[in-house]
Amino acid sequence: MIKYIVFLLCSLFILSILLVPERRLIINVGLLIIFMLGRIILRKQKIYSIYSLSAYLIFFSITALFVILNYHYFTLGNNYASPNLDRDALLYHNLAIKLLDKYTSISDLRINYFGYPIVLSLVYKLFGRDIIYGLLLNMLVMMNCLILSGKLAFQLLEKRIDKVRIAGYAMLFLCFIPIFIRPGCELNKDSYIILSVLLIMTNINETITQIASIKRLFYIAVGILILALFRPPYLLMVIVAILLIYQKRFLKHIVISMITLSIIISALIIGMRYSLYSDPISLIDSQVINNEVGKQINATSDSVVVRLIGANYRSHNFIQKAELLPVTFAIQWLLPIPFSNHPESIPRVPVFVFAHNMNILWYIVSYFIILYFFFVAKKEPNDLLKKGMFASLFLFSIPAFTEGGLTTRYIVPFIPMIVSGGAYSLYLIKCNVYFKNKSIKMIVILFLSIGIATGIYLAIK
């Protein structure tokens, strides 16, 4: 294993020299620190095994590769002072600079929740006004998200034999889900939202099933604070997930529940106080906003998606959205369609191109998730894993209902939970449990899934 690690680090070092020679020292020192910190944290977890370590190395390799490629793309022509950022990244970068230069104050921020511009401005103040520091920090956050995802799978599996291996499978699955990889290579807030959800879920489990401790309550409070500053509505979604999964177990801890709910309500009030208002023009360039709107229109117009759900989905009433929920749920699950017919709407950032063209990897993982619901769920006891899987479906349906299934990144914080069931299916297949003499049904489900995906692709084309 050591020789593979050395080869990996040397390869990344050579790549950074070739693409961004002026920043090679910063990048390589940063990657080395991230790698060592993550591995130290992983070794201290109960999930540590050859499977989890392999997943860690794969995820680190892919994320580090796209951090370097993205940074090279953003700073073409040594344009470090004014990077060629796309979409929200440019807005966050500009706001962080404005905060740093004291052109505006926290109370004036009217971008979609003010948490990330504050974090980014602090990073710039400590290390310098270079987006590489923001990219490296997001990568570090996502490496911890991968470890917490394995820990969550381990907790949901409860007393199952070989749950360390299954948790490793879950981590390996996450390495091949492009929309889970993306947050660690971009300059946006999604990685922090994923981290906060996983912090709350894993520590709530330990608080309920074991003994409450100051450390666990502190991590829960940190997760709540991050969500309040970055995306307050997710606090309510996390509450729903906890109630659906733990039910009576959660009610036994009424005192902790009341304290947590009080913190959540306070956090919601604070977070919503600084949410997006109708006129952010005073803080950011209107041309940036116009470009962003244009890209969104190009991405959705003249497509089968719009024809299925309507061009003005958000104007639909509750009943209309409920009727369309199966369609919007399927759209959300399948988007982005690999090799679709609208390449002009895809930003040319390397990780965006990868996530768009390689989303078929998510379909492969989805196959094992589907097998869980078809073959495993009905034969398993009504334990945490089953409750977690059905809670995940419910949580997936909320963004599908509110956004029409077009904003797939909103489901990423809950992917680690549903992937746990897919990892368990893979383990049972290898052990020949539940799937004996069911090969024909499994093949039918596989080809049916491929047929549906192909049909949607041809419709869009």
Foldseek 3Di string as FASTA:
>chain_A
DVVVVVVLLVVLLVLCCVQPVVCSVVLSVLLVVLLVVLVVVLVPDPLDDPLQVVLLVLLSSVLSVLLSLLLSQQQPPNNFPRTPDADVLNVLLLLLVCVLVVVDDQLPFQEAFRPLSVVLNVQCVVPHSGCSSLLSVQLSLLSVLLSLLLLLLLLLCPPDPPSSVLSSLLSNLLSQALLSSVSSNGNDCLSLLLSLLSLQNNLVSCVLVHPDDPVSVVSNLVSLLSCLRRPLVVVVLSVLLCCLQQPPSVVVPVVVVVVSVVSSVVSVVNSVSNGHDDDPVVRDPVVSVVVNVVLVCLVPPPFVLCVLQNPPNQPDDQVSLVVCLVVLLVLLQCPPQAPADRPVSFDPSPSSNCNRNSNVSSVVLVLLLVCCVVFPLVVDPSHNLNSLQVSLSVSSSPCCSNVVSPPNSSSNSSSSSSSSSSSVSVVCVVVVHRCVPVVVVSVVSVVVSVVVSVVSRVRRD
